Amino acid sequence: MENWSLISLCVLLGLTSRWTVSFHSYSGAGKPPMFGDYEAQRHWQEVTYNLPVHEWYFNTTNNDLNYWGLDYPPLTAYHSLVCAYVAKLLNPEWVELHASRGYESHSHKLFMRATVLFTDILIYIPAVLLYCFYFCDGSSKQKVAVAFCILLYPGLILIDYGHFQYNSVSLGLALWGTLGLGLGWDLFGCLAFTLALNYKQMELYHSLPFFCYLLGKFIWVISMTVLVTFALCWMPFLFDPKQPLQVLHRLFPVGRGLFEDKVANTWCSLNVLIKIKTLLSRETQLFLSFALTLLFVLPSSLKLLSKPTLWQFKLGLVNTSLAFFLFSFQVHEKSILLVSFMLPLLLKDGLLLPYVVTSLAFLFLSLYLLSAFERSTEEELRLGLYRKLTRRWLPKLNLSQIIKWKFWFSLVAMAALSFTSVWLKPPAKLPDLFPVLVSVLSFLHFLGFIIYFNQLQLMEPQRKKSLKKTN
């Protein structure tokens, strides 16, 4: 009974924090002519409701692709269509063709926020709770604490309920896929991840671990599951050869260049010193990004192929998604939901207060509920490889203490950049100074993450508990 009370409290606080953030502003509020991501989601409802399927991804007189044209897979379009039918019942003006462009009202904002909350309740939150209770170690209270921290993660809340998107749908479906594999329900896991991939193409970042883990396990049945799911999702676009090609063109906009905005990946950070876009041709950029991405995903993928356990699978998800984010071509700025990296975007959307409050709350919960400092010993962090490498040259090095210093340095740096971004004006010659600094600092953290988690996957033995669960 006590556990159910804790779970209920955990979910209630998670929902309350989401709805509290939703009272604040959103992307592009009152800023014509393009407005922002909020208008993009509304416009997709307008397009999918009023136009036939074969026009959704094409530039026509009724569908200007330069004005928030659909650039996500079909499942996102179907989701927009379902929302549009509800919107039509509540107020036809919300999805009226052309006339609804830039529509803003308190009632419509309430409706849009409610659609995000509904998908969270339906898909994301149940997946988080089940994952924590089935696959997290420790007592029931410790599992609730982990679920609580995940549900209060600021990055996802601020982007979905502040800036305005539906990232919890694809992340939730991917988590359901992970649950399916962990419980031995391979077909269910395969189906859930295929749906995630058909909702947002960014789930390609997680595709290699799923492929490597499932390879050789009922390969024919799993292949049929993937093919049938894809066929059902893409069916309206398969009758005309031009349709799937145009959809793919919208999903992978190679013409936009190596990177856009201030993305915390290798190319944007390196661009501070070397103007890659100017020095290298588009074809060379494509080849270089492909080669580096392949180089960094291969070790993790090969390890998972040779040892397809749940522990290796989870590490593979981390390593391959980081590799894709850091090195692939045309990375979406929201494909990694870290608060410090999203700071410039959140300031632009007028979400400073929610950013500060949710970040501080998440920090407190991580330190207090999860006992982060108590679990930062060399044994807990699995730093055996680093100890072996540094033993000869730095025998007295306290790796655990260094990790703690790095943690506090990261916090101070994030706080300093947050303060300067809000209160100080950048030099006239460097108008993007603070967003670039945030991007580079985040990139350095991600680079450290990919090095650490790769050595963890490649060198460290698997935990006994994970072996038992997988067997």
Protein backbone atom coordinates (compact mmCIF):
# COMPACT_ATOMS: atom_id res chain seq x y z
CA MET A 1 0.00 0.00 0.00
CA GLU A 2 2.85 2.34 0.87
CA ASN A 3 4.50 1.67 -2.50
CA TRP A 4 1.32 2.56 -4.37
CA SER A 5 1.08 5.78 -2.38
CA LEU A 6 4.67 6.67 -3.30
CA ILE A 7 4.03 5.87 -6.98
CA SER A 8 0.86 7.98 -6.98
CA LEU A 9 2.71 10.87 -5.35
CA CYS A 10 5.55 10.52 -7.85
CA VAL A 11 3.18 10.66 -10.84
CA LEU A 12 1.13 13.49 -9.33
CA LEU A 13 4.21 15.66 -8.77
CA GLY A 14 5.46 14.84 -12.27
CA LEU A 15 2.14 15.91 -13.81
CA THR A 16 1.97 19.02 -11.61
CA SER A 17 5.43 20.17 -12.66
CA ARG A 18 4.51 19.67 -16.32
CA TRP A 19 1.26 21.59 -16.07
CA THR A 20 2.94 24.39 -14.09
CA VAL A 21 5.51 24.90 -16.85
CA SER A 22 2.71 24.93 -19.44
CA PHE A 23 1.36 28.20 -17.99
CA HIS A 24 4.46 30.00 -19.27
CA SER A 25 5.23 31.16 -22.79
CA TYR A 26 6.04 28.98 -25.79
CA SER A 27 8.15 29.07 -28.93
CA GLY A 28 7.34 32.05 -31.17
CA ALA A 29 4.48 33.45 -29.10
CA GLY A 30 3.31 36.65 -30.79
CA LYS A 31 6.27 36.73 -33.17
CA PRO A 32 5.14 36.79 -36.82
CA PRO A 33 5.67 35.88 -39.58
CA MET A 34 6.96 32.38 -38.70
CA PHE A 35 6.04 32.29 -35.00
CA GLY A 36 7.65 29.07 -33.66
CA ASP A 37 7.37 25.34 -32.92
CA TYR A 38 3.98 25.85 -31.28
CA GLU A 39 2.66 27.21 -34.58
CA ALA A 40 4.41 24.40 -36.46
CA GLN A 41 2.46 21.78 -34.50
CA ARG A 42 -0.81 23.69 -34.99
CA HIS A 43 -0.09 24.17 -38.69
CA TRP A 44 0.49 20.44 -39.16
CA GLN A 45 -2.96 19.83 -37.72
CA GLU A 46 -4.35 22.34 -40.22
CA VAL A 47 -2.54 20.70 -43.15
CA THR A 48 -3.36 17.08 -42.30
CA TYR A 49 -7.03 17.86 -41.66
CA ASN A 50 -7.71 19.95 -44.76
CA LEU A 51 -5.46 18.42 -47.42
CA PRO A 52 -5.36 14.93 -48.95
CA VAL A 53 -2.53 12.65 -47.84
CA HIS A 54 -0.64 12.96 -51.13
CA GLU A 55 -0.20 16.71 -50.55
CA TRP A 56 1.07 16.58 -46.97
CA TYR A 57 4.77 16.52 -47.87
CA PHE A 58 4.59 18.37 -51.20
CA ASN A 59 4.83 22.08 -51.90
CA THR A 60 1.45 23.18 -53.34
CA THR A 61 -0.71 26.29 -53.42
CA ASN A 62 -2.35 25.13 -50.20
CA ASN A 63 0.80 23.77 -48.54
CA ASP A 64 3.77 26.12 -48.42
CA LEU A 65 6.68 23.96 -47.27
CA ASN A 66 8.65 27.09 -46.43
CA TYR A 67 6.07 27.77 -43.71
CA TRP A 68 6.57 24.90 -41.28
CA GLY A 69 6.25 22.13 -43.84
CA LEU A 70 5.93 18.62 -42.42
CA ASP A 71 9.39 17.18 -41.85
CA TYR A 72 8.66 14.23 -39.55
CA PRO A 73 7.61 10.64 -40.45
CA PRO A 74 4.01 9.59 -41.15
CA LEU A 75 3.14 8.65 -37.56
CA THR A 76 3.67 12.27 -36.51
CA ALA A 77 1.34 13.34 -39.32
CA TYR A 78 -1.33 10.85 -38.20
CA HIS A 79 -0.99 12.13 -34.62
CA SER A 80 -1.50 15.68 -35.91
CA LEU A 81 -4.57 14.51 -37.81
CA VAL A 82 -6.12 12.95 -34.69
CA CYS A 83 -5.47 16.16 -32.73
CA ALA A 84 -6.98 18.15 -35.61
CA TYR A 85 -10.25 16.19 -35.45
CA VAL A 86 -10.54 17.01 -31.75
CA ALA A 87 -9.63 20.65 -32.43
CA LYS A 88 -12.29 20.84 -35.15
CA LEU A 89 -14.94 19.69 -32.68
CA LEU A 90 -13.88 22.25 -30.07
CA ASN A 91 -13.31 25.23 -32.37
CA PRO A 92 -13.16 24.99 -36.19
CA GLU A 93 -11.14 28.23 -36.34
CA TRP A 94 -8.13 26.41 -34.87
CA VAL A 95 -7.59 24.33 -38.02
CA GLU A 96 -9.23 26.47 -40.72
CA LEU A 97 -7.14 26.33 -43.89
CA HIS A 98 -5.02 29.49 -44.39
CA ALA A 99 -7.16 31.62 -42.06
CA SER A 100 -5.80 29.90 -38.94
CA ARG A 101 -2.16 30.75 -39.68
CA GLY A 102 -0.56 32.17 -36.54
CA TYR A 103 -3.71 31.55 -34.48
CA GLU A 104 -3.22 32.26 -30.77
CA SER A 105 -5.66 32.21 -27.87
CA HIS A 106 -5.75 31.04 -24.25
CA SER A 107 -8.25 28.30 -25.05
CA HIS A 108 -6.13 26.99 -27.92
CA LYS A 109 -3.01 27.07 -25.75
CA LEU A 110 -4.89 25.02 -23.14
CA PHE A 111 -5.90 22.52 -25.81
CA MET A 112 -2.39 22.17 -27.21
CA ARG A 113 -0.85 21.74 -23.76
CA ALA A 114 -3.49 19.13 -22.91
CA THR A 115 -2.56 17.07 -25.99
CA VAL A 116 1.03 16.83 -24.74
CA LEU A 117 -0.11 15.87 -21.24
CA PHE A 118 -2.42 13.20 -22.65
CA THR A 119 0.40 11.56 -24.63
CA ASP A 120 2.62 11.64 -21.55
CA ILE A 121 -0.04 9.88 -19.47
CA LEU A 122 -0.78 7.38 -22.24
CA ILE A 123 2.76 6.51 -23.40
CA TYR A 124 5.71 8.02 -21.54
CA ILE A 125 4.87 7.89 -17.82
CA PRO A 126 3.72 4.21 -17.77
CA ALA A 127 6.91 3.22 -19.62
CA VAL A 128 9.09 5.06 -17.08
CA LEU A 129 7.35 3.46 -14.10
CA LEU A 130 7.51 -0.06 -15.52
CA TYR A 131 11.15 0.34 -16.52
CA CYS A 132 12.18 1.55 -13.06
CA PHE A 133 10.31 -1.21 -11.22
CA TYR A 134 11.47 -4.03 -13.48
CA PHE A 135 15.06 -3.05 -14.27
CA CYS A 136 16.34 -0.71 -11.54
CA ASP A 137 18.19 -2.23 -8.60
CA GLY A 138 17.40 -1.50 -4.96
CA SER A 139 14.36 -1.31 -2.73
CA SER A 140 10.92 -0.14 -3.82
CA LYS A 141 11.59 3.31 -2.38
CA GLN A 142 14.83 3.57 -4.35
CA LYS A 143 13.01 2.57 -7.54
CA VAL A 144 10.37 5.24 -6.90
CA ALA A 145 13.18 7.77 -6.35
CA VAL A 146 14.69 6.91 -9.74
CA ALA A 147 11.29 7.18 -11.44
CA PHE A 148 10.70 10.51 -9.70
CA CYS A 149 13.98 11.93 -11.00
CA ILE A 150 13.26 10.73 -14.54
CA LEU A 151 9.76 12.22 -14.52
CA LEU A 152 11.15 15.55 -13.28
CA TYR A 153 13.96 15.72 -15.85
CA PRO A 154 13.97 19.43 -16.83
CA GLY A 155 15.07 19.02 -20.44
CA LEU A 156 12.05 17.03 -21.57
CA ILE A 157 9.54 19.04 -19.53
CA LEU A 158 10.83 22.42 -20.73
CA ILE A 159 10.97 21.43 -24.39
CA ASP A 160 7.60 19.67 -24.52
CA TYR A 161 5.60 21.91 -22.18
CA GLY A 162 7.48 25.18 -22.59
CA HIS A 163 8.98 25.40 -26.05
CA PHE A 164 6.30 22.96 -27.29
CA GLN A 165 6.88 19.59 -28.90
CA TYR A 166 5.90 15.93 -28.50
CA ASN A 167 9.30 14.35 -27.77
CA SER A 168 7.80 12.17 -25.03
CA VAL A 169 5.95 10.15 -27.67
CA SER A 170 9.03 8.89 -29.52
CA LEU A 171 11.07 8.56 -26.31
CA GLY A 172 8.20 6.72 -24.63
CA LEU A 173 7.80 4.31 -27.55
CA ALA A 174 11.56 3.66 -27.58
CA LEU A 175 11.41 2.97 -23.84
CA TRP A 176 8.53 0.54 -24.43
CA GLY A 177 10.79 -1.14 -26.99
CA THR A 178 13.56 -1.46 -24.41
CA LEU A 179 11.07 -2.88 -21.91
CA GLY A 180 9.93 -5.43 -24.46
CA LEU A 181 13.46 -6.69 -25.09
CA GLY A 182 14.27 -6.74 -21.38
CA LEU A 183 11.20 -8.84 -20.60
CA GLY A 184 11.88 -11.21 -23.47
CA TRP A 185 8.99 -9.90 -25.57
CA ASP A 186 11.17 -9.33 -28.63
CA LEU A 187 8.32 -8.85 -31.11
CA PHE A 188 6.61 -6.28 -28.88
CA GLY A 189 9.91 -4.46 -28.38
CA CYS A 190 10.54 -4.50 -32.12
CA LEU A 191 7.04 -3.17 -32.83
CA ALA A 192 7.31 -0.37 -30.24
CA PHE A 193 10.68 0.82 -31.52
CA THR A 194 9.53 0.69 -35.14
CA LEU A 195 6.63 2.95 -34.16
CA ALA A 196 9.08 5.30 -32.42
CA LEU A 197 11.17 5.42 -35.58
CA ASN A 198 8.07 6.20 -37.63
CA TYR A 199 7.20 9.03 -35.24
CA LYS A 200 10.56 10.81 -35.22
CA GLN A 201 13.52 10.03 -37.45
CA MET A 202 15.87 10.98 -34.61
CA GLU A 203 15.18 7.52 -33.16
CA LEU A 204 17.60 6.29 -35.82
CA TYR A 205 20.17 7.15 -33.14
CA HIS A 206 18.93 4.11 -31.21
CA SER A 207 18.42 1.80 -34.18
CA LEU A 208 21.81 0.05 -34.26
CA PRO A 209 21.59 -1.35 -30.69
CA PHE A 210 18.12 -2.71 -31.45
CA PHE A 211 19.37 -4.26 -34.68
CA CYS A 212 22.48 -5.80 -33.11
CA TYR A 213 20.60 -7.12 -30.09
CA LEU A 214 17.90 -8.76 -32.19
CA LEU A 215 20.18 -10.09 -34.92
CA GLY A 216 19.97 -13.85 -35.00
CA LYS A 217 16.95 -14.05 -32.68
CA PHE A 218 13.93 -15.13 -34.72
CA ILE A 219 15.32 -13.00 -37.53
CA TRP A 220 12.58 -13.90 -40.01
CA VAL A 221 9.70 -13.15 -37.62
CA ILE A 222 11.31 -9.91 -36.42
CA SER A 223 12.00 -8.81 -40.01
CA MET A 224 8.37 -9.40 -40.90
CA THR A 225 7.26 -7.38 -37.85
CA VAL A 226 9.39 -4.43 -38.95
CA LEU A 227 8.31 -4.64 -42.58
CA VAL A 228 4.60 -4.94 -41.79
CA THR A 229 4.72 -2.05 -39.30
CA PHE A 230 6.56 0.18 -41.77
CA ALA A 231 4.15 -0.82 -44.54
CA LEU A 232 1.11 0.09 -42.43
CA CYS A 233 2.60 3.44 -41.40
CA TRP A 234 3.65 4.34 -44.94
CA MET A 235 0.73 2.75 -46.82
CA PRO A 236 -0.94 6.03 -47.92
CA PHE A 237 2.35 7.09 -49.54
CA LEU A 238 3.25 3.85 -51.34
CA PHE A 239 0.85 4.06 -54.29
CA ASP A 240 2.79 6.86 -56.01
CA PRO A 241 6.60 6.43 -56.36
CA LYS A 242 7.10 10.18 -55.90
CA GLN A 243 5.45 10.16 -52.47
CA PRO A 244 7.98 8.13 -50.41
CA LEU A 245 10.89 9.94 -52.08
CA GLN A 246 9.42 13.33 -51.17
CA VAL A 247 8.76 12.21 -47.59
CA LEU A 248 12.39 11.06 -47.27
CA HIS A 249 13.55 14.36 -48.74
CA ARG A 250 11.61 16.19 -46.02
CA LEU A 251 12.86 13.89 -43.25
CA PHE A 252 16.54 14.18 -44.18
CA PRO A 253 17.17 17.77 -45.37
CA VAL A 254 20.74 17.37 -46.59
CA GLY A 255 20.46 20.72 -48.37
CA ARG A 256 20.42 22.57 -45.05
CA GLY A 257 24.09 21.86 -44.51
CA LEU A 258 26.30 20.14 -41.94
CA PHE A 259 24.62 21.81 -38.94
CA GLU A 260 22.16 24.55 -38.07
CA ASP A 261 21.96 26.93 -35.12
CA LYS A 262 24.25 26.39 -32.11
CA VAL A 263 24.18 22.60 -31.80
CA ALA A 264 26.47 21.09 -29.15
CA ASN A 265 28.08 18.61 -31.54
CA THR A 266 31.55 18.25 -33.05
CA TRP A 267 30.93 20.26 -36.20
CA CYS A 268 29.39 23.31 -34.58
CA SER A 269 32.08 23.39 -31.88
CA LEU A 270 34.90 22.85 -34.37
CA ASN A 271 33.45 25.60 -36.54
CA VAL A 272 34.58 28.11 -33.89
CA LEU A 273 38.18 27.42 -34.95
CA ILE A 274 37.83 26.01 -38.48
CA LYS A 275 35.10 27.10 -40.89
CA ILE A 276 34.29 23.62 -42.15
CA LYS A 277 31.34 24.67 -44.29
CA THR A 278 33.58 27.04 -46.25
CA LEU A 279 36.66 24.83 -46.54
CA LEU A 280 34.98 21.54 -47.48
CA SER A 281 32.49 20.70 -50.21
CA ARG A 282 29.05 19.34 -49.32
CA GLU A 283 30.06 15.87 -50.54
CA THR A 284 33.22 15.89 -48.41
CA GLN A 285 31.24 16.99 -45.36
CA LEU A 286 28.79 14.13 -45.90
CA PHE A 287 31.58 11.58 -46.27
CA LEU A 288 33.51 12.88 -43.25
CA SER A 289 30.45 12.89 -40.98
CA PHE A 290 29.46 9.40 -42.16
CA ALA A 291 32.99 8.03 -41.62
CA LEU A 292 33.35 9.47 -38.12
CA THR A 293 29.86 8.36 -37.09
CA LEU A 294 30.58 4.83 -38.33
CA LEU A 295 33.94 4.82 -36.56
CA PHE A 296 32.37 5.69 -33.22
CA VAL A 297 29.36 3.35 -33.45
CA LEU A 298 31.29 0.28 -34.60
CA PRO A 299 33.01 -0.66 -31.29
CA SER A 300 29.77 -0.50 -29.34
CA SER A 301 27.81 -2.34 -32.03
CA LEU A 302 30.39 -5.11 -32.43
CA LYS A 303 30.51 -5.61 -28.67
CA LEU A 304 26.73 -5.90 -28.56
CA LEU A 305 26.77 -8.37 -31.47
CA SER A 306 29.28 -10.58 -29.65
CA LYS A 307 27.51 -10.29 -26.29
CA PRO A 308 23.79 -9.49 -26.77
CA THR A 309 22.79 -8.96 -23.13
CA LEU A 310 20.43 -6.34 -21.73
CA TRP A 311 23.29 -4.55 -19.94
CA GLN A 312 25.27 -4.28 -23.18
CA PHE A 313 22.12 -3.20 -25.01
CA LYS A 314 21.50 -0.29 -22.64
CA LEU A 315 25.12 0.87 -22.92
CA GLY A 316 24.83 0.51 -26.69
CA LEU A 317 21.83 2.85 -26.71
CA VAL A 318 23.88 5.50 -24.92
CA ASN A 319 27.00 5.13 -27.06
CA THR A 320 25.38 4.98 -30.49
CA SER A 321 22.99 7.85 -29.81
CA LEU A 322 25.90 9.99 -28.57
CA ALA A 323 27.95 9.06 -31.64
CA PHE A 324 25.13 10.03 -34.00
CA PHE A 325 24.54 13.29 -32.14
CA LEU A 326 28.21 14.29 -32.05
CA PHE A 327 29.30 13.33 -35.56
CA SER A 328 26.37 12.83 -37.95
CA PHE A 329 25.23 15.23 -40.68
CA GLN A 330 22.50 17.81 -39.94
CA VAL A 331 21.85 17.08 -36.26
CA HIS A 332 18.59 18.43 -34.85
CA GLU A 333 19.23 20.77 -31.94
CA LYS A 334 16.65 19.02 -29.73
CA SER A 335 17.93 15.50 -30.33
CA ILE A 336 19.68 15.62 -27.01
CA LEU A 337 17.63 17.04 -24.18
CA LEU A 338 20.18 18.54 -21.80
CA VAL A 339 19.11 21.69 -19.98
CA SER A 340 22.44 23.52 -20.18
CA PHE A 341 22.57 22.99 -23.94
CA MET A 342 18.98 24.13 -24.43
CA LEU A 343 19.52 27.34 -22.42
CA PRO A 344 19.65 29.80 -25.39
CA LEU A 345 16.47 28.30 -26.83
CA LEU A 346 14.66 28.48 -23.48
CA LEU A 347 15.69 32.10 -22.95
CA LYS A 348 14.40 32.91 -26.42
CA ASP A 349 11.04 31.38 -25.49
CA GLY A 350 10.80 33.30 -22.20
CA LEU A 351 11.25 30.19 -20.05
CA LEU A 352 13.98 31.43 -17.70
CA LEU A 353 12.03 30.88 -14.47
CA PRO A 354 10.90 27.31 -15.31
CA TYR A 355 14.47 26.56 -16.43
CA VAL A 356 15.95 27.68 -13.10
CA VAL A 357 13.30 26.05 -10.90
CA THR A 358 13.25 22.67 -12.67
CA SER A 359 17.05 22.54 -12.90
CA LEU A 360 17.50 23.22 -9.19
CA ALA A 361 14.79 20.70 -8.29
CA PHE A 362 16.36 18.03 -10.50
CA LEU A 363 19.81 18.73 -9.02
CA PHE A 364 18.50 18.42 -5.47
CA LEU A 365 16.62 15.21 -6.20
CA SER A 366 19.63 13.64 -7.93
CA LEU A 367 21.90 14.41 -4.99
CA TYR A 368 19.42 13.65 -2.21
CA LEU A 369 17.19 10.83 -3.47
CA LEU A 370 19.75 9.02 -5.63
CA SER A 371 22.72 9.67 -3.29
CA ALA A 372 24.89 10.70 -6.23
CA PHE A 373 27.95 11.58 -4.16
CA GLU A 374 27.81 8.37 -2.14
CA ARG A 375 27.81 6.41 -5.41
CA SER A 376 30.79 8.23 -6.95
CA THR A 377 33.50 5.84 -5.74
CA GLU A 378 35.90 4.31 -8.26
CA GLU A 379 34.14 0.95 -7.88
CA GLU A 380 30.65 2.41 -8.45
CA LEU A 381 31.83 4.46 -11.43
CA ARG A 382 33.80 1.49 -12.85
CA LEU A 383 37.00 3.45 -13.33
CA GLY A 384 39.26 0.39 -13.33
CA LEU A 385 40.57 1.05 -16.84
CA TYR A 386 41.48 4.65 -16.02
CA ARG A 387 43.25 3.47 -12.86
CA LYS A 388 45.32 0.99 -14.88
CA LEU A 389 46.26 3.65 -17.43
CA THR A 390 47.31 6.25 -14.86
CA ARG A 391 48.93 3.96 -12.25
CA ARG A 392 52.46 4.33 -13.64
CA TRP A 393 52.40 8.07 -14.21
CA LEU A 394 49.99 9.32 -11.56
CA PRO A 395 49.98 6.74 -8.75
CA LYS A 396 48.38 9.06 -6.17
CA LEU A 397 45.55 10.27 -8.41
CA ASN A 398 42.17 10.17 -6.65
CA LEU A 399 39.82 9.59 -9.58
CA SER A 400 36.69 9.66 -7.43
CA GLN A 401 37.62 13.08 -6.03
CA ILE A 402 38.39 14.38 -9.51
CA ILE A 403 34.93 13.30 -10.67
CA LYS A 404 33.38 15.30 -7.83
CA TRP A 405 35.47 18.36 -8.71
CA LYS A 406 34.37 18.06 -12.33
CA PHE A 407 30.77 17.85 -11.19
CA TRP A 408 31.01 21.08 -9.20
CA PHE A 409 32.94 22.77 -12.01
CA SER A 410 30.15 21.84 -14.44
CA LEU A 411 27.53 23.30 -12.12
CA VAL A 412 29.47 26.53 -11.61
CA ALA A 413 30.11 26.86 -15.35
CA MET A 414 26.44 26.25 -16.18
CA ALA A 415 25.32 28.78 -13.56
CA ALA A 416 27.84 31.34 -14.82
CA LEU A 417 26.75 30.92 -18.44
CA SER A 418 23.10 31.12 -17.42
CA PHE A 419 23.77 34.38 -15.56
CA THR A 420 25.82 35.96 -18.36
CA SER A 421 23.31 34.91 -21.03
CA VAL A 422 20.52 36.69 -19.17
CA TRP A 423 22.19 39.76 -17.68
CA LEU A 424 25.16 40.62 -19.89
CA LYS A 425 25.24 41.85 -23.47
CA PRO A 426 27.73 40.13 -25.77
CA PRO A 427 30.30 42.23 -27.68
CA ALA A 428 28.95 43.79 -30.86
CA LYS A 429 31.43 41.79 -32.94
CA LEU A 430 30.41 38.52 -31.26
CA PRO A 431 26.60 38.57 -30.96
CA ASP A 432 26.42 34.77 -30.59
CA LEU A 433 29.17 34.53 -27.96
CA PHE A 434 27.07 33.11 -25.11
CA PRO A 435 25.10 30.53 -27.16
CA VAL A 436 28.39 29.34 -28.68
CA LEU A 437 29.99 29.02 -25.22
CA VAL A 438 27.00 27.00 -24.00
CA SER A 439 27.25 24.81 -27.08
CA VAL A 440 31.00 24.20 -26.72
CA LEU A 441 30.75 23.48 -22.97
CA SER A 442 27.95 20.97 -23.59
CA PHE A 443 29.96 19.39 -26.41
CA LEU A 444 32.93 18.83 -24.09
CA HIS A 445 30.64 17.09 -21.62
CA PHE A 446 29.14 14.86 -24.32
CA LEU A 447 32.62 14.00 -25.58
CA GLY A 448 33.57 12.92 -22.07
CA PHE A 449 30.38 10.87 -21.83
CA ILE A 450 31.03 8.94 -25.03
CA ILE A 451 34.60 8.13 -23.97
CA TYR A 452 33.50 6.98 -20.52
CA PHE A 453 30.53 4.87 -21.64
CA ASN A 454 32.51 3.23 -24.46
CA GLN A 455 35.24 2.11 -22.07
CA LEU A 456 32.50 0.93 -19.71
CA GLN A 457 30.91 -1.19 -22.42
CA LEU A 458 34.12 -2.50 -23.96
CA MET A 459 36.32 -3.11 -20.92
CA GLU A 460 34.22 -3.62 -17.81
CA PRO A 461 32.58 -6.95 -16.91
CA GLN A 462 28.81 -7.10 -16.88
CA ARG A 463 26.99 -6.91 -13.57
CA LYS A 464 25.80 -10.20 -12.09
CA LYS A 465 22.28 -8.86 -11.60
CA SER A 466 22.04 -7.94 -15.25
CA LEU A 467 23.20 -11.40 -16.23
CA LYS A 468 20.50 -13.01 -14.12
CA LYS A 469 17.79 -10.78 -15.58
CA THR A 470 18.93 -11.40 -19.14
CA ASN A 471 19.16 -15.14 -18.66
